[in-house]
Amino acid sequence: MSYEERIAKNEDWFRDLNRRKAEWIESGHSAAGLRCECWQMDCAERIPLSGREWQEVRSRATTFAVVPDHFAPSAEVVVKKYRHFWIVEKQGEAGEVAKGLE
């Protein structure tokens, strides 16, 4: 497995965990502390996201919510910075893997 593929698969795993919590957000509850979706399997950081923020992150299969500075420059770019989290987008091989996992 390539480095880029591992990054995409790690982040997809965290995204799946967050999907379960997102049901609360989407049903109108207050923001939930979702896990950082960065490539680091040992990351346990939490990000409070509103329903609007969650929908923005999930608008594309290649975008993920990460704690500021938790990105892999070799496989992704920061597309938007909020004070409490960044949206990153997979590029190249990692982007193709992320699309396939969605």
N, C-alpha and C. Protein backbone atom coordinates (compact mmCIF):
# COMPACT_ATOMS: atom_id res chain seq x y z
N MET A 1 0.85 -1.17 0.00
CA MET A 1 0.00 0.00 0.00
C MET A 1 0.90 1.24 0.00
N SER A 2 0.61 2.17 -0.88
CA SER A 2 1.42 3.39 -0.95
C SER A 2 1.10 4.32 0.22
N TYR A 3 1.99 5.25 0.45
CA TYR A 3 1.82 6.25 1.51
C TYR A 3 0.53 7.03 1.28
N GLU A 4 0.28 7.47 0.04
CA GLU A 4 -0.92 8.25 -0.26
C GLU A 4 -2.19 7.44 -0.04
N GLU A 5 -2.15 6.16 -0.42
CA GLU A 5 -3.31 5.31 -0.22
C GLU A 5 -3.58 5.11 1.27
N ARG A 6 -2.53 4.93 2.06
CA ARG A 6 -2.69 4.77 3.51
C ARG A 6 -3.30 6.03 4.13
N ILE A 7 -2.83 7.20 3.70
CA ILE A 7 -3.38 8.46 4.20
C ILE A 7 -4.88 8.53 3.92
N ALA A 8 -5.27 8.24 2.70
CA ALA A 8 -6.69 8.31 2.33
C ALA A 8 -7.52 7.30 3.12
N LYS A 9 -7.02 6.10 3.29
CA LYS A 9 -7.77 5.08 4.03
C LYS A 9 -7.88 5.42 5.51
N ASN A 10 -6.82 5.95 6.12
CA ASN A 10 -6.89 6.36 7.52
C ASN A 10 -7.95 7.44 7.70
N GLU A 11 -7.93 8.44 6.83
CA GLU A 11 -8.89 9.53 6.96
C GLU A 11 -10.31 9.06 6.69
N ASP A 12 -10.48 8.13 5.77
CA ASP A 12 -11.80 7.59 5.51
C ASP A 12 -12.34 6.85 6.73
N TRP A 13 -11.48 6.16 7.46
CA TRP A 13 -11.90 5.45 8.66
C TRP A 13 -12.46 6.44 9.69
N PHE A 14 -11.76 7.57 9.89
CA PHE A 14 -12.25 8.58 10.82
C PHE A 14 -13.55 9.21 10.31
N ARG A 15 -13.64 9.40 9.00
CA ARG A 15 -14.86 9.96 8.43
C ARG A 15 -16.05 9.05 8.73
N ASP A 16 -15.86 7.73 8.62
CA ASP A 16 -16.95 6.81 8.93
C ASP A 16 -17.40 6.92 10.38
N LEU A 17 -16.45 7.06 11.30
CA LEU A 17 -16.81 7.26 12.70
C LEU A 17 -17.64 8.54 12.87
N ASN A 18 -17.24 9.58 12.19
CA ASN A 18 -17.94 10.85 12.30
C ASN A 18 -19.33 10.82 11.68
N ARG A 19 -19.53 10.01 10.67
CA ARG A 19 -20.85 9.91 10.05
C ARG A 19 -21.90 9.49 11.07
N ARG A 20 -21.52 8.61 11.97
CA ARG A 20 -22.46 8.15 12.99
C ARG A 20 -22.87 9.30 13.91
N LYS A 21 -21.91 10.12 14.28
CA LYS A 21 -22.21 11.26 15.14
C LYS A 21 -22.97 12.35 14.39
N ALA A 22 -22.77 12.43 13.10
CA ALA A 22 -23.39 13.48 12.29
C ALA A 22 -24.91 13.38 12.28
N GLU A 23 -25.44 12.21 12.53
CA GLU A 23 -26.89 12.07 12.59
C GLU A 23 -27.47 13.01 13.65
N TRP A 24 -26.76 13.19 14.73
CA TRP A 24 -27.19 14.14 15.77
C TRP A 24 -27.20 15.54 15.23
N ILE A 25 -26.11 15.91 14.56
CA ILE A 25 -26.00 17.26 14.03
C ILE A 25 -27.11 17.52 13.01
N GLU A 26 -27.29 16.60 12.10
CA GLU A 26 -28.27 16.78 11.03
C GLU A 26 -29.70 16.80 11.52
N SER A 27 -29.96 16.23 12.70
CA SER A 27 -31.31 16.25 13.25
C SER A 27 -31.55 17.48 14.12
N GLY A 28 -30.62 18.43 14.10
CA GLY A 28 -30.85 19.69 14.78
C GLY A 28 -30.20 19.84 16.14
N HIS A 29 -29.51 18.84 16.65
CA HIS A 29 -28.82 18.96 17.93
C HIS A 29 -27.63 19.89 17.78
N SER A 30 -27.11 20.32 18.90
CA SER A 30 -25.95 21.21 18.86
C SER A 30 -24.73 20.48 18.29
N ALA A 31 -23.71 21.22 18.01
CA ALA A 31 -22.50 20.67 17.39
C ALA A 31 -21.95 19.51 18.21
N ALA A 32 -21.46 18.54 17.51
CA ALA A 32 -20.87 17.36 18.15
C ALA A 32 -19.35 17.44 18.04
N GLY A 33 -18.67 16.84 19.01
CA GLY A 33 -17.21 16.77 18.97
C GLY A 33 -16.79 15.62 18.08
N LEU A 34 -16.56 15.90 16.82
CA LEU A 34 -16.16 14.87 15.87
C LEU A 34 -14.65 14.68 15.89
N ARG A 35 -14.21 13.50 15.53
CA ARG A 35 -12.77 13.21 15.51
C ARG A 35 -12.11 13.92 14.35
N CYS A 36 -10.91 14.37 14.60
CA CYS A 36 -10.07 14.90 13.53
C CYS A 36 -9.93 13.78 12.49
N GLU A 37 -10.09 14.11 11.22
CA GLU A 37 -10.03 13.12 10.16
C GLU A 37 -8.65 13.10 9.48
N CYS A 38 -7.64 13.45 10.23
CA CYS A 38 -6.29 13.49 9.66
C CYS A 38 -5.74 12.10 9.42
N TRP A 39 -4.62 12.04 8.77
CA TRP A 39 -3.98 10.78 8.38
C TRP A 39 -3.34 10.02 9.53
N GLN A 40 -3.19 10.64 10.69
CA GLN A 40 -2.50 10.02 11.82
C GLN A 40 -3.46 9.11 12.60
N MET A 41 -3.25 7.81 12.54
CA MET A 41 -4.15 6.87 13.20
C MET A 41 -4.21 7.07 14.72
N ASP A 42 -3.19 7.63 15.33
CA ASP A 42 -3.19 7.82 16.77
C ASP A 42 -3.76 9.17 17.20
N CYS A 43 -4.24 9.96 16.27
CA CYS A 43 -4.81 11.27 16.61
C CYS A 43 -6.16 11.07 17.29
N ALA A 44 -6.35 11.71 18.42
CA ALA A 44 -7.61 11.63 19.16
C ALA A 44 -8.23 13.01 19.37
N GLU A 45 -7.77 14.00 18.60
CA GLU A 45 -8.29 15.36 18.72
C GLU A 45 -9.76 15.39 18.31
N ARG A 46 -10.52 16.28 18.95
CA ARG A 46 -11.95 16.46 18.64
C ARG A 46 -12.17 17.85 18.05
N ILE A 47 -13.14 17.91 17.14
CA ILE A 47 -13.49 19.18 16.48
C ILE A 47 -14.99 19.39 16.64
N PRO A 48 -15.41 20.49 17.27
CA PRO A 48 -16.85 20.77 17.34
C PRO A 48 -17.33 21.34 16.00
N LEU A 49 -18.22 20.62 15.32
CA LEU A 49 -18.73 21.08 14.03
C LEU A 49 -20.24 21.29 14.10
N SER A 50 -20.69 22.35 13.47
CA SER A 50 -22.12 22.59 13.34
C SER A 50 -22.64 21.79 12.15
N GLY A 51 -23.94 21.73 12.01
CA GLY A 51 -24.52 21.03 10.87
C GLY A 51 -24.08 21.63 9.55
N ARG A 52 -24.02 22.94 9.46
CA ARG A 52 -23.59 23.63 8.24
C ARG A 52 -22.15 23.28 7.91
N GLU A 53 -21.28 23.29 8.93
CA GLU A 53 -19.87 22.94 8.70
C GLU A 53 -19.73 21.50 8.25
N TRP A 54 -20.49 20.60 8.88
CA TRP A 54 -20.44 19.19 8.51
C TRP A 54 -20.83 19.01 7.04
N GLN A 55 -21.91 19.68 6.63
CA GLN A 55 -22.36 19.57 5.24
C GLN A 55 -21.31 20.11 4.27
N GLU A 56 -20.63 21.18 4.66
CA GLU A 56 -19.58 21.73 3.80
C GLU A 56 -18.44 20.73 3.62
N VAL A 57 -18.01 20.11 4.70
CA VAL A 57 -16.93 19.12 4.61
C VAL A 57 -17.37 17.93 3.77
N ARG A 58 -18.59 17.46 3.94
CA ARG A 58 -19.07 16.27 3.25
C ARG A 58 -19.54 16.56 1.82
N SER A 59 -19.43 17.78 1.35
CA SER A 59 -19.92 18.11 0.01
C SER A 59 -19.13 17.42 -1.10
N ARG A 60 -17.92 16.95 -0.80
CA ARG A 60 -17.10 16.23 -1.78
C ARG A 60 -16.46 15.03 -1.09
N ALA A 61 -16.29 13.96 -1.84
CA ALA A 61 -15.69 12.74 -1.29
C ALA A 61 -14.23 12.94 -0.92
N THR A 62 -13.59 13.94 -1.48
CA THR A 62 -12.16 14.14 -1.29
C THR A 62 -11.83 15.14 -0.18
N THR A 63 -12.83 15.68 0.52
CA THR A 63 -12.55 16.65 1.57
C THR A 63 -12.77 16.05 2.95
N PHE A 64 -11.93 16.54 3.89
CA PHE A 64 -11.93 16.02 5.26
C PHE A 64 -11.75 17.18 6.24
N ALA A 65 -12.26 17.01 7.47
CA ALA A 65 -12.12 18.00 8.54
C ALA A 65 -10.95 17.60 9.43
N VAL A 66 -10.00 18.51 9.60
CA VAL A 66 -8.84 18.22 10.43
C VAL A 66 -8.57 19.38 11.39
N VAL A 67 -7.91 19.06 12.49
CA VAL A 67 -7.43 20.09 13.41
C VAL A 67 -6.39 20.92 12.66
N PRO A 68 -6.33 22.24 12.90
CA PRO A 68 -5.32 23.05 12.21
C PRO A 68 -3.92 22.41 12.29
N ASP A 69 -3.25 22.40 11.18
CA ASP A 69 -1.90 21.85 10.99
C ASP A 69 -1.84 20.33 10.91
N HIS A 70 -2.96 19.63 10.96
CA HIS A 70 -2.97 18.17 10.84
C HIS A 70 -3.20 17.76 9.39
N PHE A 71 -2.33 18.14 8.52
CA PHE A 71 -2.51 17.74 7.13
C PHE A 71 -1.20 17.21 6.58
N ALA A 72 -1.33 16.44 5.51
CA ALA A 72 -0.17 15.81 4.86
C ALA A 72 0.09 16.53 3.54
N PRO A 73 1.03 17.49 3.51
CA PRO A 73 1.25 18.29 2.31
C PRO A 73 1.58 17.49 1.06
N SER A 74 2.07 16.28 1.22
CA SER A 74 2.40 15.47 0.04
C SER A 74 1.17 14.86 -0.61
N ALA A 75 0.03 14.85 0.09
CA ALA A 75 -1.15 14.17 -0.43
C ALA A 75 -2.42 15.02 -0.43
N GLU A 76 -2.35 16.23 0.15
CA GLU A 76 -3.55 17.05 0.25
C GLU A 76 -3.21 18.52 0.34
N VAL A 77 -4.23 19.35 0.10
CA VAL A 77 -4.08 20.79 0.23
C VAL A 77 -5.17 21.31 1.16
N VAL A 78 -4.88 22.41 1.83
CA VAL A 78 -5.87 23.07 2.68
C VAL A 78 -6.73 23.93 1.77
N VAL A 79 -8.04 23.69 1.78
CA VAL A 79 -8.93 24.47 0.92
C VAL A 79 -9.69 25.55 1.68
N LYS A 80 -9.81 25.39 3.00
CA LYS A 80 -10.47 26.42 3.81
C LYS A 80 -10.01 26.29 5.24
N LYS A 81 -9.78 27.44 5.87
CA LYS A 81 -9.35 27.46 7.27
C LYS A 81 -10.41 28.15 8.13
N TYR A 82 -10.87 27.43 9.12
CA TYR A 82 -11.70 28.01 10.17
C TYR A 82 -10.81 28.11 11.41
N ARG A 83 -11.23 28.86 12.38
CA ARG A 83 -10.45 29.00 13.60
C ARG A 83 -10.24 27.65 14.28
N HIS A 84 -11.27 26.81 14.32
CA HIS A 84 -11.21 25.56 15.07
C HIS A 84 -10.95 24.32 14.21
N PHE A 85 -10.96 24.44 12.90
CA PHE A 85 -10.64 23.29 12.04
C PHE A 85 -10.33 23.78 10.64
N TRP A 86 -9.69 22.90 9.86
CA TRP A 86 -9.41 23.16 8.46
C TRP A 86 -10.09 22.10 7.61
N ILE A 87 -10.44 22.48 6.40
CA ILE A 87 -10.92 21.51 5.42
C ILE A 87 -9.77 21.24 4.46
N VAL A 88 -9.40 19.97 4.34
CA VAL A 88 -8.33 19.57 3.42
C VAL A 88 -8.92 18.73 2.31
N GLU A 89 -8.27 18.78 1.15
CA GLU A 89 -8.71 17.99 0.01
C GLU A 89 -7.58 17.11 -0.49
N LYS A 90 -7.89 15.83 -0.64
CA LYS A 90 -6.92 14.87 -1.15
C LYS A 90 -6.58 15.20 -2.60
N GLN A 91 -5.34 14.98 -2.97
CA GLN A 91 -4.85 15.22 -4.32
C GLN A 91 -4.25 13.93 -4.87
N GLY A 92 -4.12 13.83 -6.16
CA GLY A 92 -3.44 12.71 -6.79
C GLY A 92 -4.01 11.36 -6.41
N GLU A 93 -3.13 10.41 -6.12
CA GLU A 93 -3.54 9.05 -5.78
C GLU A 93 -4.44 9.02 -4.55
N ALA A 94 -4.11 9.83 -3.54
CA ALA A 94 -4.93 9.87 -2.33
C ALA A 94 -6.34 10.34 -2.65
N GLY A 95 -6.48 11.30 -3.56
CA GLY A 95 -7.79 11.77 -3.98
C GLY A 95 -8.59 10.69 -4.69
N GLU A 96 -7.93 9.93 -5.55
CA GLU A 96 -8.60 8.84 -6.25
C GLU A 96 -9.05 7.76 -5.28
N VAL A 97 -8.22 7.45 -4.29
CA VAL A 97 -8.60 6.45 -3.29
C VAL A 97 -9.79 6.95 -2.49
N ALA A 98 -9.76 8.22 -2.07
CA ALA A 98 -10.87 8.79 -1.28
C ALA A 98 -12.18 8.73 -2.07
N LYS A 99 -12.13 9.03 -3.37
CA LYS A 99 -13.33 8.96 -4.20
C LYS A 99 -13.88 7.54 -4.23
N GLY A 100 -13.00 6.57 -4.32
CA GLY A 100 -13.41 5.17 -4.37
C GLY A 100 -13.97 4.66 -3.07
N LEU A 101 -13.61 5.28 -1.96
CA LEU A 101 -14.07 4.83 -0.65
C LEU A 101 -15.41 5.44 -0.26
N GLU A 102 -15.81 6.49 -0.90
CA GLU A 102 -17.04 7.21 -0.55
C GLU A 102 -18.26 6.38 -0.84
